[in-house]
């Protein structure tokens, strides 16, 4: 790599984060700020942007049953996604970037990024920019690469100038209550867990020295570990818990039931067995069992106040073919491995009807409920993209 580029990246301590939401502020903003970076959020919420620019810091409240710790994350500022020229400037002059906008936010974000990447090349030459992809989706790097290449000129040297760094993000961040947001619109709650697993091969610049960031070789395995173990286990507890205790609000409440706790653990272990067959050289049973027991302890963090609604809602996405329940079942079918416990969780998901603190369903779930009225075979075929006979449920 050009020595000028290396020096630029070492001394340019500006992290641009698309999305000032829960993960953007509680996790990525925190890790990079506390590793010496100036944080620039790009978001669509005008009130949040104004507040960040006025106060230039925000409060992160770390919740655990042992203690509560309050961190001040600074310096920060924010730019509106609608302010095209400012967005282009920030990307063109940034040291590193992160994406945390959700798949629904990609159509508005990626065209601006593509335009800024071209501007960056025109003004800065062959200076790569790495994007930490903080999206809860499988093969996110491939999706973003495909979309950006469509938007950039054919002769743009994409592989040399754009680093797409997949992540496995295990940090749990609850939905803020209305009371919490009124108390301080910028504060964010999160659990103590702080490990950010990233793909070593995704970087085009030297890997930055960021505390609690671990670079892995076989990133696909670690993304699937998050999906097949963490996401699957958390959702399983919500779906089975709601099925048995529809009045329960918090995750720690449903997991205080020994039957729900044990069923969740056995479902996670079944998925772990599938994961080990998929990546035999990456994980051991001991490693995954310890990981499962640690997760179950974190899921029961009473101080975090995580809700059954938050963990289980957004059913159309969470029951999608590449998500936490359908994906391991599809792999199990390929590898001829048992998946009955995972299927039981999926069946419970189809009848999941938890509401938020205001008694409202997640907006997109009401469309899912209409689909579910057509029967579980329809959901399996049209949402999960699984061709499994209904007789399996008998």
Protein backbone atom coordinates (compact mmCIF):
# COMPACT_ATOMS: atom_id res chain seq x y z
CA UNK A 1 0.00 0.00 0.00
CA UNK A 2 1.10 3.57 -0.69
CA UNK A 3 2.91 4.89 2.46
CA UNK A 4 0.96 8.16 2.19
CA UNK A 5 -2.29 6.22 2.40
CA UNK A 6 -1.08 4.31 5.45
CA UNK A 7 -0.04 7.49 7.25
CA UNK A 8 -3.35 9.17 6.36
CA UNK A 9 -5.34 6.32 7.85
CA UNK A 10 -3.21 6.16 10.98
CA UNK A 11 -3.69 9.85 11.74
CA UNK A 12 -7.21 10.39 10.42
CA UNK A 13 -9.26 9.58 13.52
CA UNK A 14 -12.70 10.31 12.11
CA UNK A 15 -15.28 7.52 12.27
CA UNK A 16 -18.44 8.08 10.21
CA UNK A 17 -21.39 6.04 11.47
CA UNK A 18 -24.49 5.75 9.29
CA UNK A 19 -27.28 5.29 11.82
CA UNK A 20 -27.32 6.89 15.29
CA UNK A 21 -29.59 4.18 16.66
CA UNK A 22 -29.09 1.57 19.34
CA UNK A 23 -26.05 -0.23 17.91
CA UNK A 24 -24.54 2.89 16.38
CA UNK A 25 -24.47 4.75 19.71
CA UNK A 26 -24.22 1.99 22.31
CA UNK A 27 -21.57 -0.10 20.58
CA UNK A 28 -19.72 1.27 17.56
CA UNK A 29 -19.71 4.88 18.74
CA UNK A 30 -18.58 3.77 22.18
CA UNK A 31 -15.73 1.49 21.03
CA UNK A 32 -14.27 3.93 18.51
CA UNK A 33 -14.72 6.99 20.72
CA UNK A 34 -12.92 5.30 23.60
CA UNK A 35 -10.16 4.29 21.18
CA UNK A 36 -9.46 7.92 20.25
CA UNK A 37 -11.78 8.56 17.30
CA UNK A 38 -14.00 11.58 16.68
CA UNK A 39 -17.48 10.29 15.92
CA UNK A 40 -19.70 11.66 13.15
CA UNK A 41 -23.20 10.20 13.00
CA UNK A 42 -25.26 10.39 9.81
CA UNK A 43 -28.96 9.92 10.48
CA UNK A 44 -32.48 10.91 9.36
CA UNK A 45 -33.88 11.99 12.74
CA UNK A 46 -33.71 15.82 12.88
CA UNK A 47 -34.30 16.04 16.65
CA UNK A 48 -31.53 13.53 17.36
CA UNK A 49 -29.15 15.31 14.98
CA UNK A 50 -29.85 18.71 16.55
CA UNK A 51 -29.35 17.35 20.07
CA UNK A 52 -26.06 15.63 19.20
CA UNK A 53 -24.73 18.81 17.57
CA UNK A 54 -25.83 20.97 20.48
CA UNK A 55 -24.46 18.80 23.31
CA UNK A 56 -21.61 17.01 21.45
CA UNK A 57 -21.81 13.96 23.71
CA UNK A 58 -24.29 11.37 24.96
CA UNK A 59 -24.76 9.12 27.95
CA UNK A 60 -24.37 5.34 27.70
CA UNK A 61 -25.85 3.52 30.68
CA UNK A 62 -24.34 0.03 31.07
CA UNK A 63 -26.87 -2.21 32.83
CA UNK A 64 -26.10 -5.36 34.78
CA UNK A 65 -27.51 -7.06 37.86
CA UNK A 66 -24.27 -6.30 39.70
CA UNK A 67 -23.93 -2.58 39.01
CA UNK A 68 -24.87 0.29 36.72
CA UNK A 69 -22.12 2.25 34.98
CA UNK A 70 -22.60 5.55 33.15
CA UNK A 71 -20.19 6.44 30.32
CA UNK A 72 -19.94 9.77 28.53
CA UNK A 73 -19.27 9.25 24.82
CA UNK A 74 -17.54 12.27 23.26
CA UNK A 75 -16.69 14.12 21.08
CA UNK A 76 -19.57 13.46 18.70
CA UNK A 77 -21.48 15.42 16.08
CA UNK A 78 -24.12 14.58 13.51
CA UNK A 79 -25.10 15.24 9.89
CA UNK A 80 -28.49 14.76 8.27
CA UNK A 81 -28.68 12.14 5.53
CA UNK A 82 -30.74 14.72 3.63
CA UNK A 83 -27.80 17.17 3.60
CA UNK A 84 -26.16 15.68 0.51
CA UNK A 85 -23.12 17.95 0.30
CA UNK A 86 -22.15 17.47 3.94
CA UNK A 87 -22.57 13.69 3.69
CA UNK A 88 -20.38 13.59 0.59
CA UNK A 89 -17.72 15.67 2.35
CA UNK A 90 -17.67 13.49 5.48
CA UNK A 91 -17.25 10.27 3.50
CA UNK A 92 -14.67 11.78 1.17
CA UNK A 93 -12.51 12.84 4.12
CA UNK A 94 -13.23 10.06 6.62
CA UNK A 95 -10.76 7.66 8.17
CA UNK A 96 -13.20 4.76 8.55
CA UNK A 97 -16.97 4.26 8.35
CA UNK A 98 -19.72 2.03 9.71
CA UNK A 99 -23.17 1.06 8.47
CA UNK A 100 -25.97 0.53 10.97
CA UNK A 101 -29.15 1.52 9.14
CA UNK A 102 -30.97 -1.79 8.72
CA UNK A 103 -31.85 -3.31 5.37
CA UNK A 104 -34.79 -0.91 5.06
CA UNK A 105 -32.38 2.03 5.24
CA UNK A 106 -30.05 0.80 2.50
CA UNK A 107 -31.94 2.24 -0.52
CA UNK A 108 -31.58 5.79 0.82
CA UNK A 109 -28.01 5.33 2.05
CA UNK A 110 -26.11 3.38 -0.63
CA UNK A 111 -26.60 5.87 -3.52
CA UNK A 112 -25.06 8.63 -1.37
CA UNK A 113 -22.18 6.38 -0.40
CA UNK A 114 -21.53 5.50 -4.04
CA UNK A 115 -21.49 9.18 -5.01
CA UNK A 116 -19.17 9.99 -2.12
CA UNK A 117 -16.79 7.16 -3.01
CA UNK A 118 -16.42 8.60 -6.50
CA UNK A 119 -15.86 12.08 -5.05
CA UNK A 120 -13.28 10.64 -2.64
CA UNK A 121 -11.37 9.04 -5.50
CA UNK A 122 -11.46 12.24 -7.55
CA UNK A 123 -10.17 14.36 -4.69
CA UNK A 124 -8.01 11.96 -2.63
CA UNK A 125 -6.78 9.50 -5.23
CA UNK A 126 -6.32 5.83 -4.41
CA UNK A 127 -7.22 6.15 -0.73
CA UNK A 128 -9.35 3.20 0.47
CA UNK A 129 -12.25 3.52 2.87
CA UNK A 130 -13.33 0.62 5.08
CA UNK A 131 -16.95 0.15 6.13
CA UNK A 132 -17.70 -1.81 9.30
CA UNK A 133 -21.02 -3.51 8.43
CA UNK A 134 -23.17 -3.55 11.56
CA UNK A 135 -26.23 -5.10 9.97
CA UNK A 136 -28.08 -8.12 11.32
CA UNK A 137 -28.13 -9.95 8.00
CA UNK A 138 -26.31 -12.91 6.49
CA UNK A 139 -23.92 -12.18 3.58
CA UNK A 140 -24.30 -8.43 4.14
CA UNK A 141 -20.96 -7.74 2.45
CA UNK A 142 -22.08 -9.45 -0.77
CA UNK A 143 -25.38 -7.57 -0.82
CA UNK A 144 -23.74 -4.16 -0.27
CA UNK A 145 -20.99 -4.90 -2.79
CA UNK A 146 -23.53 -5.82 -5.46
CA UNK A 147 -25.64 -2.71 -4.86
CA UNK A 148 -22.69 -0.29 -4.76
CA UNK A 149 -21.15 -1.71 -7.93
CA UNK A 150 -24.43 -1.06 -9.75
CA UNK A 151 -24.21 2.60 -8.72
CA UNK A 152 -20.51 3.20 -9.45
CA UNK A 153 -18.87 3.58 -12.88
CA UNK A 154 -17.72 0.32 -14.46
CA UNK A 155 -14.08 1.38 -14.29
CA UNK A 156 -14.20 2.29 -10.58
CA UNK A 157 -11.48 0.22 -8.78
CA UNK A 158 -13.91 -1.14 -6.19
CA UNK A 159 -11.78 -3.97 -4.82
CA UNK A 160 -8.86 -1.62 -4.17
CA UNK A 161 -10.79 1.29 -2.67
CA UNK A 162 -13.73 -0.18 -0.71
CA UNK A 163 -13.36 -2.44 2.30
CA UNK A 164 -16.57 -4.18 3.37
CA UNK A 165 -15.95 -5.60 6.83
CA UNK A 166 -18.53 -8.09 8.05
CA UNK A 167 -19.19 -8.23 11.78
CA UNK A 168 -20.76 -10.48 14.34
CA UNK A 169 -22.50 -8.18 16.82
CA UNK A 170 -23.66 -9.83 20.00
CA UNK A 171 -24.37 -6.74 22.09
CA UNK A 172 -27.93 -6.54 23.43
CA UNK A 173 -29.58 -3.12 23.49
CA UNK A 174 -33.18 -2.85 24.74
CA UNK A 175 -35.84 -0.53 23.35
CA UNK A 176 -35.96 2.67 25.40
CA UNK A 177 -39.25 3.38 27.16
CA UNK A 178 -41.05 6.66 26.53
CA UNK A 179 -40.16 7.75 30.05
CA UNK A 180 -36.46 7.03 29.52
CA UNK A 181 -36.41 8.99 26.26
CA UNK A 182 -38.20 11.95 27.80
CA UNK A 183 -35.68 11.98 30.65
CA UNK A 184 -32.77 12.23 28.20
CA UNK A 185 -33.37 11.84 24.43
CA UNK A 186 -29.68 11.04 23.84
CA UNK A 187 -29.10 8.43 26.53
CA UNK A 188 -28.87 4.79 25.52
CA UNK A 189 -28.96 1.60 27.61
CA UNK A 190 -26.93 -1.54 26.90
CA UNK A 191 -25.48 -4.65 28.52
CA UNK A 192 -21.78 -4.80 29.54
CA UNK A 193 -20.79 -7.20 26.71
CA UNK A 194 -18.48 -5.32 24.33
CA UNK A 195 -16.71 -7.71 21.94
CA UNK A 196 -16.87 -6.71 18.27
CA UNK A 197 -15.90 -9.58 15.96
CA UNK A 198 -14.83 -8.42 12.49
CA UNK A 199 -13.59 -9.98 9.28
CA UNK A 200 -9.83 -9.72 8.94
CA UNK A 201 -10.07 -10.07 5.16
CA UNK A 202 -12.55 -7.22 4.73
CA UNK A 203 -10.13 -4.36 5.43
CA UNK A 204 -8.33 -2.49 2.67
CA UNK A 205 -6.41 -0.32 5.16
CA UNK A 206 -4.37 -1.54 8.15
CA UNK A 207 -6.72 -2.95 10.80
CA UNK A 208 -7.27 -0.14 13.32
CA UNK A 209 -6.31 -0.57 16.97
CA UNK A 210 -9.73 -0.51 18.61
CA UNK A 211 -10.34 -1.94 22.06
CA UNK A 212 -12.52 -5.06 22.20
CA UNK A 213 -12.35 -5.55 18.41
CA UNK A 214 -11.29 -9.06 17.35
CA UNK A 215 -10.43 -9.84 13.71
CA UNK A 216 -11.25 -13.39 12.52
CA UNK A 217 -10.16 -15.32 9.43
CA UNK A 218 -13.28 -17.42 8.78
CA UNK A 219 -15.84 -14.68 9.27
CA UNK A 220 -18.75 -16.62 7.75
CA UNK A 221 -18.46 -19.11 10.60
CA UNK A 222 -18.65 -16.35 13.22
CA UNK A 223 -21.59 -14.63 11.53
CA UNK A 224 -23.39 -17.97 11.54
CA UNK A 225 -22.45 -18.55 15.18
CA UNK A 226 -24.29 -15.31 16.02
CA UNK A 227 -27.28 -16.29 13.88
CA UNK A 228 -27.51 -20.01 14.77
CA UNK A 229 -26.80 -19.61 18.50
CA UNK A 230 -27.40 -16.07 19.81
CA UNK A 231 -30.25 -14.91 17.55
CA UNK A 232 -31.86 -18.33 17.52
CA UNK A 233 -31.64 -18.74 21.30
CA UNK A 234 -32.92 -15.26 22.12
CA UNK A 235 -35.89 -15.60 19.75
CA UNK A 236 -36.64 -19.13 20.93
CA UNK A 237 -36.91 -17.92 24.53
CA UNK A 238 -39.27 -15.13 23.43
CA UNK A 239 -41.50 -17.36 21.28
CA UNK A 240 -41.72 -20.30 23.70
CA UNK A 241 -41.98 -17.89 26.63
CA UNK A 242 -44.87 -15.96 25.09
CA UNK A 243 -46.64 -19.17 24.18
CA UNK A 244 -46.62 -20.33 27.83
CA UNK A 245 -46.69 -16.92 29.58
CA UNK A 246 -48.49 -14.45 27.28
CA UNK A 247 -48.81 -11.98 30.16
CA UNK A 248 -45.02 -11.73 30.71
CA UNK A 249 -43.31 -8.52 29.58
CA UNK A 250 -39.59 -9.01 30.28
CA UNK A 251 -37.21 -11.66 29.00
CA UNK A 252 -35.94 -12.42 32.50
CA UNK A 253 -39.52 -13.26 33.50
CA UNK A 254 -40.04 -15.98 30.89
CA UNK A 255 -36.55 -17.37 31.46
CA UNK A 256 -37.21 -17.68 35.19
CA UNK A 257 -39.43 -20.63 34.18
CA UNK A 258 -37.09 -23.68 34.34
CA UNK A 259 -39.01 -25.38 31.52
CA UNK A 260 -38.56 -22.43 29.14
CA UNK A 261 -34.90 -22.08 30.13
CA UNK A 262 -34.19 -25.76 29.53
CA UNK A 263 -36.13 -25.90 26.25
CA UNK A 264 -34.24 -22.83 25.00
CA UNK A 265 -30.89 -24.34 25.98
CA UNK A 266 -31.67 -27.65 24.23
CA UNK A 267 -32.77 -25.79 21.09
CA UNK A 268 -29.51 -23.80 21.09
CA UNK A 269 -27.51 -27.02 21.54
CA UNK A 270 -29.35 -28.62 18.61
CA UNK A 271 -28.44 -25.65 16.45
CA UNK A 272 -24.86 -25.79 17.77
CA UNK A 273 -24.59 -29.38 16.52
CA UNK A 274 -25.66 -28.19 13.06
CA UNK A 275 -23.14 -25.34 13.21
CA UNK A 276 -20.29 -27.73 14.13
CA UNK A 277 -21.10 -29.95 11.16
CA UNK A 278 -21.10 -26.88 8.91
CA UNK A 279 -17.75 -25.59 10.29
CA UNK A 280 -15.95 -28.63 11.74
CA UNK A 281 -12.57 -26.88 11.98
CA UNK A 282 -13.81 -23.70 13.66
CA UNK A 283 -15.85 -24.68 16.72
CA UNK A 284 -15.84 -27.35 19.41
CA UNK A 285 -18.73 -28.59 21.52
CA UNK A 286 -17.05 -27.24 24.65
CA UNK A 287 -16.63 -23.77 23.07
CA UNK A 288 -20.25 -23.60 21.93
CA UNK A 289 -21.66 -24.99 25.20
CA UNK A 290 -19.79 -22.36 27.22
CA UNK A 291 -21.02 -19.71 24.77
CA UNK A 292 -24.63 -20.91 25.14
CA UNK A 293 -24.51 -20.86 28.93
CA UNK A 294 -22.98 -17.37 28.91
CA UNK A 295 -25.72 -16.16 26.55
CA UNK A 296 -28.46 -17.62 28.72
CA UNK A 297 -27.01 -15.76 31.68
CA UNK A 298 -26.97 -12.53 29.64
CA UNK A 299 -30.53 -13.09 28.39
CA UNK A 300 -31.62 -13.15 32.09
CA UNK A 301 -30.04 -9.78 32.87
CA UNK A 302 -32.89 -8.25 34.91
CA UNK A 303 -31.30 -4.79 35.00
CA UNK A 304 -31.25 -4.60 31.20
CA UNK A 305 -35.04 -4.81 31.14
CA UNK A 306 -35.18 -6.38 27.68
CA UNK A 307 -38.72 -7.20 26.57
CA UNK A 308 -40.32 -10.25 25.00
CA UNK A 309 -41.83 -7.88 22.44
CA UNK A 310 -38.47 -6.50 21.26
CA UNK A 311 -36.78 -9.89 21.04
CA UNK A 312 -39.63 -11.58 19.19
CA UNK A 313 -41.15 -8.90 16.95
CA UNK A 314 -40.42 -8.20 13.27
CA UNK A 315 -41.55 -11.69 12.35
CA UNK A 316 -41.39 -11.42 8.58
CA UNK A 317 -37.66 -10.66 8.81
CA UNK A 318 -36.85 -13.04 11.66
CA UNK A 319 -38.57 -15.96 9.94
CA UNK A 320 -36.91 -15.15 6.62
CA UNK A 321 -34.92 -17.81 4.72
CA UNK A 322 -31.51 -16.48 5.79
CA UNK A 323 -32.41 -15.65 9.37
CA UNK A 324 -32.24 -17.29 12.80
CA UNK A 325 -34.69 -20.19 12.49
CA UNK A 326 -35.12 -20.99 8.80
CA UNK A 327 -31.38 -20.83 8.00
CA UNK A 328 -30.27 -23.52 10.49
CA UNK A 329 -33.22 -25.71 9.47
CA UNK A 330 -32.17 -25.45 5.83
CA UNK A 331 -28.60 -26.43 6.73
CA UNK A 332 -29.90 -29.29 8.88
CA UNK A 333 -31.90 -30.61 5.92
CA UNK A 334 -28.76 -30.51 3.76
CA UNK A 335 -26.61 -32.23 6.39
CA UNK A 336 -29.32 -34.65 7.51
CA UNK A 337 -29.22 -33.37 11.11
CA UNK A 338 -32.12 -33.21 13.62
CA UNK A 339 -34.02 -29.91 13.79
CA UNK A 340 -37.23 -30.77 15.64
CA UNK A 341 -36.56 -28.36 18.51
CA UNK A 342 -35.84 -25.49 16.13
CA UNK A 343 -39.05 -26.29 14.27
CA UNK A 344 -40.96 -26.14 17.56
CA UNK A 345 -39.60 -22.62 18.11
CA UNK A 346 -40.59 -21.65 14.56
CA UNK A 347 -44.09 -22.97 15.12
CA UNK A 348 -44.34 -20.84 18.29
CA UNK A 349 -43.11 -17.82 16.32
CA UNK A 350 -46.01 -18.10 13.87
CA UNK A 351 -48.49 -17.50 16.73
CA UNK A 352 -46.37 -14.87 18.54
CA UNK A 353 -48.54 -11.80 19.30
CA UNK A 354 -46.66 -9.74 21.92
CA UNK A 355 -47.31 -5.98 22.11
CA UNK A 356 -45.13 -3.03 23.11
CA UNK A 357 -45.50 -0.85 26.21
CA UNK A 358 -48.31 1.10 24.50
CA UNK A 359 -50.26 -2.04 23.62
CA UNK A 360 -49.28 -1.88 19.96
CA UNK A 361 -47.98 -4.58 17.63
CA UNK A 362 -44.79 -4.02 15.67
CA UNK A 363 -46.16 -2.29 12.53
CA UNK A 364 -44.85 -4.77 9.96
CA UNK A 365 -46.08 -7.74 12.02
CA UNK A 366 -49.73 -6.99 11.26
CA UNK A 367 -49.06 -7.88 7.63
CA UNK A 368 -47.36 -11.07 8.82
CA UNK A 369 -50.43 -11.97 10.91
CA UNK A 370 -52.56 -11.81 7.76
CA UNK A 371 -50.12 -14.19 6.06
CA UNK A 372 -50.19 -16.50 9.07
CA UNK A 373 -53.98 -16.75 8.73
CA UNK A 374 -53.34 -18.81 5.58
CA UNK A 375 -51.76 -21.52 7.71
CA UNK A 376 -48.33 -22.67 8.80
CA UNK A 377 -47.58 -24.42 5.51
CA UNK A 378 -48.06 -21.11 3.74
CA UNK A 379 -45.65 -19.36 6.16
CA UNK A 380 -43.07 -22.11 5.73
CA UNK A 381 -43.27 -21.92 1.97
CA UNK A 382 -43.72 -18.17 1.37
CA UNK A 383 -41.81 -16.59 4.27
CA UNK A 384 -39.24 -19.19 5.35
CA UNK A 385 -38.83 -20.63 1.83
CA UNK A 386 -38.84 -24.14 3.31
CA UNK A 387 -40.50 -27.03 1.53
CA UNK A 388 -41.49 -29.10 4.55
CA UNK A 389 -44.73 -31.04 4.84
CA UNK A 390 -47.21 -30.00 7.48
CA UNK A 391 -47.22 -33.64 8.62
CA UNK A 392 -43.92 -32.86 10.36
CA UNK A 393 -45.95 -31.00 13.01
CA UNK A 394 -48.29 -33.86 13.83
